[in-house]
Amino acid sequence: MNREEKKIVPQLRFPEFKDNWKTARLKDVSSYFNGKSFEGDVQENGKYELVTLKSIDTDGNLVHSNRYINDDVRTLSKGTLVMILSEQAPGLLGMTAIIPDNNKYVLNQRIAEIRPTDKVVNYFLSMSINRNQSYFSRLGAGMKVQNISKGNVENYELSYPSIAEQKKIANCFSSLDVIINSETEKLDLLQDHKKGLLQQLFPAEGETQPKYRFPEFKDDGDWVETTLGKCLDYLQPTPYLVSSTDYDDKYETPVLTAGKTFILGYTDEKEGIFKENLPVIIFDDFTTASKFVDFPFKAKSSAMKILLAKGANDIKFMFEAIQNIKFEVKTHQRHWISVYSNLEILKPKDPKEQQKIADCLSVADDLIAAQAQKVEALQEHKKGLLQQLFPNLNELAV
């Protein structure tokens, strides 16, 4: 059976559409243009915003570059697609975004302009390209920075239905994006709210009392000065290190790092699980990054300290106090014993005030976590719809 005889249809379809989808190269349904270099003309403010390699995120959103051009040059039209040709971070090579306004944006080098013809709807085309980012990753050439060429882009093969069905699919995802963006904004507001609470519930630099105190502690006076080492004990992670990195999401026990990744994976190892004295703080001895942990875990790196509260100190309060510390890592060394444990902090005289502050911030954390899960669920729903409303990419194989 040749390509023309193949029936290419998605798994899920709006009932009014029955026709077979067509296939084409990107060059058959769009025009390609390269950006240009503006290195000597870029300013922090100006007439036209420059679309750079940092202007598109992994979700296909256009991000402000805060770089501008004043020269009168050819600007981008509303609805035009812009594509990343040089990967600055994993998952970005070949990603596209849509220009939202006329005559406000200018294209920088290593960004392509893709102008759809009347055969495809721009939003539909952008989704079709972005859902197959792995195609461009496979083609990326370069030792340090992965690059794709005009030929790579123009030979991208896609499938597409009638304009009416494209618009229906595009409207479906556009409505879903509005909901996702709204819920993401709520998440951002909650995170900002917590930052505001931290500023109110902890003394500002140079102060000895916070701006806001719970009524029962208003007459307790100044907070007392102490050090982290007087408030926190530490354990070495050696007994809790994972033996194998054969992780799988079906396993139960998370393997943690104090860095940005936090959960590296899940292990089925049954021995050496840290589950006593929870919650704790895990502290990266080299970077000083920290995470609050209230569930059983195993550790990946020996360059970690497990911190526990001493005496009547509240571990959650201590974690938030650590987040308020401004400390710049200057040397590659283990920091907890020699440096960090000696850093001074302020704490309330009454341990009950510590707990009250910790409880307040924990409520904020719970709201943030619930909202983050809501956003993640919507994003997963969108991924599922993308898989069902577009044909399987294997259908296009020769």
Protein backbone atom coordinates (compact mmCIF):
# COMPACT_ATOMS: atom_id res chain seq x y z
CA MET A 1 0.00 0.00 0.00
CA ASN A 2 1.46 3.35 -0.97
CA ARG A 3 1.39 6.52 1.12
CA GLU A 4 -1.63 7.96 -0.71
CA GLU A 5 -3.70 4.84 0.06
CA LYS A 6 -2.97 4.86 3.78
CA LYS A 7 -5.85 5.88 5.99
CA ILE A 8 -4.44 8.55 8.29
CA VAL A 9 -6.93 9.59 10.96
CA PRO A 10 -6.63 10.37 14.67
CA GLN A 11 -7.84 8.08 17.45
CA LEU A 12 -10.34 10.68 18.69
CA ARG A 13 -12.30 12.84 16.28
CA PHE A 14 -15.14 15.33 16.26
CA PRO A 15 -18.15 13.42 14.82
CA GLU A 16 -18.81 15.75 11.87
CA PHE A 17 -15.44 14.96 10.25
CA LYS A 18 -14.88 11.74 8.28
CA ASP A 19 -12.32 12.53 5.57
CA ASN A 20 -8.82 11.10 5.50
CA TRP A 21 -6.02 13.44 6.64
CA LYS A 22 -3.45 14.56 4.08
CA THR A 23 0.34 14.45 4.40
CA ALA A 24 2.84 17.07 3.31
CA ARG A 25 6.29 18.46 3.94
CA LEU A 26 6.42 21.68 5.93
CA LYS A 27 7.76 23.48 2.85
CA ASP A 28 4.52 22.58 1.00
CA VAL A 29 2.29 24.36 3.54
CA SER A 30 4.49 27.28 4.67
CA SER A 31 7.31 29.65 3.76
CA TYR A 32 10.62 29.74 5.63
CA PHE A 33 12.71 32.83 6.50
CA ASN A 34 15.85 33.20 8.63
CA GLY A 35 16.40 35.85 11.26
CA LYS A 36 19.43 38.15 11.29
CA SER A 37 22.06 39.38 13.71
CA PHE A 38 21.43 42.55 15.72
CA GLU A 39 24.33 42.22 18.18
CA GLY A 40 25.39 45.88 18.14
CA ASP A 41 21.89 47.34 18.13
CA VAL A 42 20.21 45.54 21.04
CA GLN A 43 18.92 47.67 23.92
CA GLU A 44 16.95 47.16 27.13
CA ASN A 45 14.16 49.36 25.79
CA GLY A 46 13.12 50.13 22.26
CA LYS A 47 10.58 50.09 19.47
CA TYR A 48 10.55 46.38 18.56
CA GLU A 49 11.01 43.36 20.81
CA LEU A 50 13.68 40.93 19.64
CA VAL A 51 12.66 37.27 19.39
CA THR A 52 15.71 35.32 20.63
CA LEU A 53 16.59 31.72 21.48
CA LYS A 54 15.20 32.40 24.97
CA SER A 55 11.86 33.68 23.69
CA ILE A 56 10.18 30.26 23.39
CA ASP A 57 9.60 27.86 26.28
CA THR A 58 9.07 24.08 26.28
CA ASP A 59 5.28 24.55 26.22
CA GLY A 60 5.40 26.59 23.02
CA ASN A 61 4.73 29.92 24.71
CA LEU A 62 6.30 33.19 23.60
CA VAL A 63 8.40 34.60 26.46
CA HIS A 64 9.49 38.24 26.71
CA SER A 65 13.18 38.60 25.92
CA ASN A 66 13.48 42.15 27.32
CA ARG A 67 15.74 42.94 24.38
CA TYR A 68 14.73 45.57 21.86
CA ILE A 69 15.64 47.09 18.47
CA ASN A 70 14.98 50.70 17.42
CA ASP A 71 16.00 50.41 13.77
CA ASP A 72 13.23 50.26 11.19
CA VAL A 73 13.53 46.69 9.93
CA ARG A 74 11.12 44.04 8.69
CA THR A 75 8.82 43.08 11.54
CA LEU A 76 6.83 39.92 12.14
CA SER A 77 3.13 39.61 11.37
CA LYS A 78 0.48 38.41 13.78
CA GLY A 79 -0.02 34.65 13.47
CA THR A 80 3.48 33.92 12.18
CA LEU A 81 5.31 30.97 13.75
CA VAL A 82 8.83 31.40 15.11
CA MET A 83 11.08 28.35 15.61
CA ILE A 84 14.25 27.67 17.61
CA LEU A 85 17.13 26.46 15.39
CA SER A 86 19.81 26.19 18.12
CA GLU A 87 19.04 24.36 21.34
CA GLN A 88 19.87 26.33 24.50
CA ALA A 89 18.17 23.85 26.83
CA PRO A 90 16.85 20.27 26.46
CA GLY A 91 13.50 20.00 24.72
CA LEU A 92 13.66 23.32 22.88
CA LEU A 93 15.17 22.45 19.49
CA GLY A 94 12.47 22.96 16.83
CA MET A 95 9.92 24.37 19.29
CA THR A 96 7.60 27.01 17.89
CA ALA A 97 5.50 29.88 19.25
CA ILE A 98 3.00 32.20 17.61
CA ILE A 99 3.51 35.96 17.25
CA PRO A 100 0.50 37.66 18.93
CA ASP A 101 0.64 41.16 17.39
CA ASN A 102 1.54 42.93 14.16
CA ASN A 103 4.68 45.03 13.80
CA LYS A 104 5.96 44.58 17.37
CA TYR A 105 8.53 41.81 17.01
CA VAL A 106 11.79 41.34 15.11
CA LEU A 107 13.52 38.02 14.45
CA ASN A 108 17.05 37.39 15.73
CA GLN A 109 19.57 34.96 14.23
CA ARG A 110 19.14 31.19 14.74
CA ILE A 111 15.37 31.70 14.88
CA ALA A 112 13.25 30.81 11.85
CA GLU A 113 10.06 32.48 10.71
CA ILE A 114 7.44 30.02 9.45
CA ARG A 115 4.55 31.61 7.53
CA PRO A 116 1.64 29.17 7.05
CA THR A 117 -0.18 29.09 3.73
CA ASP A 118 -3.96 28.87 3.50
CA LYS A 119 -3.69 25.08 3.76
CA VAL A 120 -3.02 25.12 7.51
CA VAL A 121 -4.17 27.05 10.55
CA ASN A 122 -1.23 28.57 12.45
CA TYR A 123 -2.21 27.25 15.89
CA PHE A 124 -2.80 23.78 14.45
CA LEU A 125 0.57 23.86 12.68
CA SER A 126 2.40 24.97 15.82
CA MET A 127 0.88 22.10 17.82
CA SER A 128 1.72 19.61 15.07
CA ILE A 129 5.38 20.68 15.13
CA ASN A 130 5.73 20.98 18.91
CA ARG A 131 4.28 17.55 19.65
CA ASN A 132 7.06 16.01 17.55
CA GLN A 133 10.01 17.85 19.05
CA SER A 134 11.94 14.56 19.14
CA TYR A 135 12.14 14.70 15.31
CA PHE A 136 14.31 17.80 15.51
CA SER A 137 16.34 16.49 18.45
CA ARG A 138 17.34 13.46 16.37
CA LEU A 139 18.49 15.70 13.53
CA GLY A 140 20.37 18.22 15.70
CA ALA A 141 24.00 18.60 14.65
CA GLY A 142 26.81 20.13 16.69
CA MET A 143 29.14 19.12 19.48
CA LYS A 144 28.09 21.55 22.23
CA VAL A 145 25.01 23.24 20.84
CA GLN A 146 22.53 21.23 18.78
CA ASN A 147 21.43 22.92 15.54
CA ILE A 148 18.96 22.23 12.75
CA SER A 149 19.10 23.52 9.19
CA LYS A 150 16.57 25.01 6.83
CA GLY A 151 16.42 21.66 5.06
CA ASN A 152 15.64 19.87 8.34
CA VAL A 153 12.76 22.24 8.95
CA GLU A 154 11.31 22.28 5.45
CA ASN A 155 11.40 18.47 5.18
CA TYR A 156 9.46 17.96 8.40
CA GLU A 157 6.49 15.78 7.48
CA LEU A 158 3.08 16.43 8.96
CA SER A 159 -0.49 15.29 8.54
CA TYR A 160 -3.43 17.67 8.45
CA PRO A 161 -7.22 17.58 7.90
CA SER A 162 -9.58 20.13 6.39
CA ILE A 163 -9.38 23.75 7.52
CA ALA A 164 -12.69 23.32 9.36
CA GLU A 165 -11.35 20.39 11.40
CA GLN A 166 -8.06 22.18 12.02
CA LYS A 167 -9.96 25.15 13.43
CA LYS A 168 -12.08 22.89 15.63
CA ILE A 169 -8.95 21.21 17.03
CA ALA A 170 -7.20 24.57 17.45
CA ASN A 171 -10.20 26.06 19.28
CA CYS A 172 -10.33 23.05 21.61
CA PHE A 173 -6.70 23.47 22.61
CA SER A 174 -6.91 27.25 22.70
CA SER A 175 -9.75 27.04 25.24
CA LEU A 176 -7.79 24.52 27.28
CA ASP A 177 -4.73 26.79 27.21
CA VAL A 178 -6.83 29.63 28.61
CA ILE A 179 -7.80 27.41 31.54
CA ILE A 180 -4.21 26.22 32.08
CA ASN A 181 -2.88 29.78 31.98
CA SER A 182 -5.55 30.91 34.44
CA GLU A 183 -4.73 28.11 36.88
CA THR A 184 -1.00 28.78 36.44
CA GLU A 185 -1.58 32.42 37.33
CA LYS A 186 -3.37 31.28 40.49
CA LEU A 187 -0.36 29.14 41.32
CA ASP A 188 1.96 32.12 40.81
CA LEU A 189 -0.24 34.24 43.08
CA LEU A 190 -0.14 31.61 45.83
CA GLN A 191 3.65 31.41 45.58
CA ASP A 192 3.86 35.21 45.78
CA HIS A 193 1.51 35.12 48.77
CA LYS A 194 3.86 32.79 50.59
CA LYS A 195 6.82 35.05 49.82
CA GLY A 196 4.82 37.89 51.34
CA LEU A 197 4.09 35.82 54.43
CA LEU A 198 7.79 35.08 54.87
CA GLN A 199 8.55 38.79 54.73
CA GLN A 200 5.85 39.55 57.31
CA LEU A 201 6.44 36.64 59.72
CA PHE A 202 10.25 36.88 59.88
CA PRO A 203 12.22 39.98 60.95
CA ALA A 204 13.60 42.08 58.10
CA GLU A 205 17.36 42.54 57.88
CA GLY A 206 18.51 44.72 60.78
CA GLU A 207 15.26 44.15 62.72
CA THR A 208 14.69 41.93 65.76
CA GLN A 209 10.93 41.51 65.48
CA PRO A 210 8.72 40.60 62.50
CA LYS A 211 6.25 43.07 61.02
CA TYR A 212 3.35 40.79 61.89
CA ARG A 213 2.94 38.67 65.04
CA PHE A 214 0.09 36.47 66.10
CA PRO A 215 -1.87 38.23 68.90
CA GLU A 216 -0.78 35.88 71.69
CA PHE A 217 2.89 36.71 71.05
CA LYS A 218 2.70 40.49 70.59
CA ASP A 219 4.21 41.21 74.00
CA ASP A 220 7.00 38.62 73.81
CA GLY A 221 9.62 41.17 72.75
CA ASP A 222 12.62 40.68 70.51
CA TRP A 223 13.52 37.41 68.87
CA VAL A 224 16.73 35.85 70.17
CA GLU A 225 19.93 35.37 68.21
CA THR A 226 21.29 31.86 67.78
CA THR A 227 23.06 29.71 65.17
CA LEU A 228 21.75 26.94 62.94
CA GLY A 229 24.09 24.48 64.61
CA LYS A 230 22.45 25.15 67.99
CA CYS A 231 19.03 24.44 66.54
CA LEU A 232 19.73 21.52 64.20
CA ASP A 233 21.51 18.17 64.46
CA TYR A 234 22.78 16.39 61.36
CA LEU A 235 23.10 12.81 60.13
CA GLN A 236 25.33 11.51 57.36
CA PRO A 237 23.33 9.88 54.54
CA THR A 238 25.62 6.85 54.18
CA PRO A 239 23.20 4.25 55.66
CA TYR A 240 20.44 5.51 53.37
CA LEU A 241 22.27 5.66 50.01
CA VAL A 242 20.63 3.85 47.11
CA SER A 243 22.59 0.90 45.70
CA SER A 244 21.19 0.90 42.17
CA THR A 245 20.03 3.65 39.83
CA ASP A 246 17.62 1.29 38.10
CA TYR A 247 14.71 3.59 38.89
CA ASP A 248 11.10 3.02 37.87
CA ASP A 249 7.95 5.01 38.61
CA LYS A 250 6.17 1.79 39.62
CA TYR A 251 8.43 1.50 42.68
CA GLU A 252 7.44 3.10 45.98
CA THR A 253 10.46 4.74 47.57
CA PRO A 254 11.70 8.08 46.18
CA VAL A 255 15.43 8.72 45.79
CA LEU A 256 16.16 12.33 46.72
CA THR A 257 18.66 15.05 46.07
CA ALA A 258 18.61 18.49 47.71
CA GLY A 259 19.03 20.13 44.30
CA LYS A 260 16.41 21.37 41.86
CA THR A 261 15.52 17.88 40.59
CA PHE A 262 14.61 16.74 44.14
CA ILE A 263 13.13 13.33 43.23
CA LEU A 264 15.61 11.52 40.97
CA GLY A 265 13.43 8.43 40.63
CA TYR A 266 11.88 5.59 42.58
CA THR A 267 13.58 2.46 43.87
CA ASP A 268 12.36 -0.97 45.00
CA GLU A 269 15.13 -1.32 47.59
CA LYS A 270 13.72 -2.27 50.99
CA GLU A 271 16.71 -1.68 53.25
CA GLY A 272 18.22 1.62 54.37
CA ILE A 273 15.07 3.71 53.97
CA PHE A 274 15.03 6.86 56.09
CA LYS A 275 11.64 6.85 57.81
CA GLU A 276 12.31 7.74 61.44
CA ASN A 277 12.28 11.28 62.90
CA LEU A 278 10.35 12.72 59.99
CA PRO A 279 10.04 15.47 58.88
CA VAL A 280 13.64 16.49 58.20
CA ILE A 281 15.64 18.87 56.04
CA ILE A 282 18.02 17.50 53.42
CA PHE A 283 20.97 19.81 52.78
CA ASP A 284 23.40 19.72 49.85
CA ASP A 285 26.81 20.16 51.45
CA PHE A 286 28.36 21.69 48.34
CA THR A 287 25.61 23.96 46.96
CA THR A 288 23.78 24.63 50.31
CA ALA A 289 20.45 23.90 48.59
CA SER A 290 17.86 22.42 50.94
CA LYS A 291 14.51 20.63 50.80
CA PHE A 292 11.85 19.91 53.42
CA VAL A 293 10.98 16.19 53.49
CA ASP A 294 8.06 14.63 55.37
CA PHE A 295 7.98 11.18 53.72
CA PRO A 296 10.26 8.07 53.72
CA PHE A 297 13.15 8.25 51.23
CA LYS A 298 16.55 7.06 50.14
CA ALA A 299 19.44 9.34 49.16
CA LYS A 300 21.64 9.40 46.07
CA SER A 301 24.65 11.46 47.12
CA SER A 302 26.98 11.29 50.09
CA ALA A 303 27.35 15.07 49.73
CA MET A 304 24.18 15.56 51.72
CA LYS A 305 23.33 16.18 55.34
CA ILE A 306 20.06 15.10 56.93
CA LEU A 307 19.10 17.83 59.40
CA LEU A 308 16.91 17.22 62.45
CA ALA A 309 15.53 19.71 64.97
CA LYS A 310 17.21 19.96 68.36
CA GLY A 311 15.13 20.26 71.50
CA ALA A 312 11.90 22.25 71.19
CA ASN A 313 12.82 23.81 67.84
CA ASP A 314 10.31 23.32 65.05
CA ILE A 315 11.87 21.72 61.94
CA LYS A 316 9.51 23.48 59.52
CA PHE A 317 10.31 26.87 61.09
CA MET A 318 14.02 26.11 60.77
CA PHE A 319 13.61 25.18 57.11
CA GLU A 320 11.90 28.50 56.38
CA ALA A 321 14.58 30.33 58.36
CA ILE A 322 17.21 28.71 56.15
CA GLN A 323 15.35 29.91 53.03
CA ASN A 324 15.70 33.48 54.32
CA ILE A 325 19.49 33.23 54.61
CA LYS A 326 21.45 35.08 51.93
CA PHE A 327 24.59 33.02 51.37
CA GLU A 328 26.82 32.97 48.31
CA VAL A 329 28.77 29.79 47.60
CA LYS A 330 32.30 30.87 46.68
CA THR A 331 34.39 27.70 47.08
CA HIS A 332 33.89 24.02 46.32
CA GLN A 333 33.79 22.59 49.82
CA ARG A 334 31.49 20.91 52.29
CA HIS A 335 29.68 23.77 53.99
CA TRP A 336 27.50 22.48 56.84
CA ILE A 337 30.05 21.78 59.57
CA SER A 338 32.63 24.45 58.72
CA VAL A 339 30.37 27.32 57.67
CA TYR A 340 26.63 26.92 57.52
CA SER A 341 25.99 25.57 61.01
CA ASN A 342 27.69 28.69 62.39
CA LEU A 343 25.43 31.12 60.53
CA GLU A 344 23.33 33.29 62.84
CA ILE A 345 19.55 33.42 62.72
CA LEU A 346 16.80 34.94 64.84
CA LYS A 347 14.06 32.86 66.43
CA PRO A 348 11.17 33.54 68.83
CA LYS A 349 11.74 32.99 72.55
CA ASP A 350 8.63 30.85 72.78
CA PRO A 351 8.75 27.58 70.76
CA LYS A 352 4.99 27.89 70.38
CA GLU A 353 5.48 30.95 68.18
CA GLN A 354 7.84 28.95 65.99
CA GLN A 355 5.15 26.30 65.63
CA LYS A 356 2.43 28.86 64.89
CA ILE A 357 4.52 30.38 62.10
CA ALA A 358 5.38 26.93 60.76
CA ASP A 359 1.70 25.90 60.75
CA CYS A 360 0.73 29.07 58.88
CA LEU A 361 3.39 28.50 56.22
CA SER A 362 2.45 24.81 55.97
CA VAL A 363 -1.11 25.80 55.09
CA ALA A 364 0.29 28.01 52.32
CA ASP A 365 2.47 25.12 51.13
CA ASP A 366 -0.56 22.79 51.04
CA LEU A 367 -2.50 25.28 48.92
CA ILE A 368 0.47 25.67 46.57
CA ALA A 369 0.90 21.89 46.27
CA ALA A 370 -2.81 21.37 45.53
CA GLN A 371 -2.78 24.10 42.89
CA ALA A 372 0.42 22.72 41.34
CA GLN A 373 -1.24 19.29 41.09
CA LYS A 374 -4.25 20.90 39.40
CA VAL A 375 -2.02 22.59 36.81
CA GLU A 376 -0.09 19.36 36.25
CA ALA A 377 -3.32 17.40 35.77
CA LEU A 378 -4.53 19.90 33.16
CA GLN A 379 -1.19 19.71 31.36
CA GLU A 380 -1.36 15.91 31.34
CA HIS A 381 -4.92 16.14 30.02
CA LYS A 382 -3.66 18.33 27.19
CA LYS A 383 -0.90 15.82 26.37
CA GLY A 384 -3.49 13.05 26.25
CA LEU A 385 -5.70 15.05 23.90
CA LEU A 386 -2.71 15.77 21.65
CA GLN A 387 -2.07 12.06 21.34
CA GLN A 388 -5.71 11.35 20.51
CA LEU A 389 -6.63 14.30 18.28
CA PHE A 390 -3.55 13.89 16.06
CA PRO A 391 -2.73 10.71 14.11
CA ASN A 392 0.01 8.47 15.44
CA LEU A 393 3.27 9.75 13.96
CA ASN A 394 4.16 6.17 12.99
CA GLU A 395 1.31 6.34 10.49
CA LEU A 396 3.49 8.62 8.41
CA ALA A 397 6.34 6.12 8.17
CA VAL A 398 7.11 4.81 4.70
